[in-house]
Amino acid sequence: MNDYLPELYTDRDITRARRRGKVVGWLQGGTAVLLFGIGYSLIGWIPTLLVLGLVGFVVYKLVRASKRGDESA
């Protein structure tokens, strides 16, 4: 038994906790890598979305300006 652990835990409990900790660590690491991969693949869409948003904004302003011009006539 380890001197730093209370006598409350058996060697079996410690082994089980270490094994579970490793499994949880591998699951967390795998999830982080998966999410990073998905995020990294979406980074290429950022310039496209920015350009589409800018074009949409310009079209909206042009349509809105032309409607205001028709109302004043």
Protein backbone atom coordinates (compact mmCIF):
# COMPACT_ATOMS: atom_id res chain seq x y z
CA MET A 1 0.00 0.00 0.00
CA ASN A 2 1.16 3.53 -0.76
CA ASP A 3 2.20 5.57 2.28
CA TYR A 4 0.41 8.68 1.00
CA LEU A 5 -3.03 7.10 0.76
CA PRO A 6 -5.29 6.45 3.72
CA GLU A 7 -5.90 2.84 4.75
CA LEU A 8 -9.46 3.25 3.49
CA TYR A 9 -8.48 2.19 -0.04
CA THR A 10 -7.35 -1.26 -1.09
CA ASP A 11 -4.88 -2.04 -3.85
CA ARG A 12 -7.84 -3.18 -5.97
CA ASP A 13 -9.59 0.19 -5.48
CA ILE A 14 -6.45 2.07 -6.46
CA THR A 15 -5.88 -0.09 -9.54
CA ARG A 16 -9.50 0.33 -10.61
CA ALA A 17 -9.34 4.12 -10.12
CA ARG A 18 -6.15 4.36 -12.17
CA ARG A 19 -7.63 2.25 -14.96
CA ARG A 20 -10.81 4.32 -15.03
CA GLY A 21 -8.75 7.51 -14.99
CA LYS A 22 -6.79 6.32 -18.01
CA VAL A 23 -9.97 5.39 -19.88
CA VAL A 24 -11.56 8.74 -19.12
CA GLY A 25 -8.36 10.49 -20.20
CA TRP A 26 -8.30 8.61 -23.52
CA LEU A 27 -11.98 9.44 -24.11
CA GLN A 28 -11.41 13.11 -23.34
CA GLY A 29 -8.34 13.22 -25.56
CA GLY A 30 -10.15 11.49 -28.42
CA THR A 31 -13.09 13.86 -28.10
CA ALA A 32 -10.78 16.88 -28.08
CA VAL A 33 -8.97 15.65 -31.21
CA LEU A 34 -12.29 14.98 -32.96
CA LEU A 35 -13.68 18.42 -32.11
CA PHE A 36 -10.42 20.09 -33.13
CA GLY A 37 -10.53 18.23 -36.45
CA ILE A 38 -14.10 19.35 -37.10
CA GLY A 39 -13.24 22.93 -36.14
CA TYR A 40 -10.12 22.89 -38.29
CA SER A 41 -12.09 21.65 -41.30
CA LEU A 42 -14.60 24.48 -40.81
CA ILE A 43 -11.89 27.16 -40.72
CA GLY A 44 -11.77 27.08 -44.52
CA TRP A 45 -15.39 28.23 -44.61
CA ILE A 46 -14.74 31.42 -42.63
CA PRO A 47 -13.56 33.56 -45.60
CA THR A 48 -16.44 32.24 -47.71
CA LEU A 49 -18.98 33.11 -45.03
CA LEU A 50 -17.45 36.55 -44.54
CA VAL A 51 -17.63 37.30 -48.27
CA LEU A 52 -21.22 36.03 -48.49
CA GLY A 53 -22.16 38.13 -45.48
CA LEU A 54 -20.55 41.22 -47.00
CA VAL A 55 -22.27 40.65 -50.34
CA GLY A 56 -25.60 40.11 -48.58
CA PHE A 57 -25.14 43.33 -46.60
CA VAL A 58 -24.31 45.34 -49.75
CA VAL A 59 -27.31 43.91 -51.60
CA TYR A 60 -29.54 44.69 -48.62
CA LYS A 61 -28.30 48.28 -48.50
CA LEU A 62 -28.78 48.71 -52.27
CA VAL A 63 -32.33 47.30 -52.17
CA ARG A 64 -33.22 49.39 -49.13
CA ALA A 65 -31.76 52.55 -50.73
CA SER A 66 -33.67 51.96 -53.97
CA LYS A 67 -36.95 51.50 -52.04
CA ARG A 68 -36.38 54.77 -50.19
CA GLY A 69 -35.75 56.51 -53.51
CA ASP A 70 -39.07 55.20 -54.92
CA GLU A 71 -41.05 56.37 -51.88
CA SER A 72 -39.84 59.97 -52.11
CA ALA A 73 -40.80 60.32 -55.79
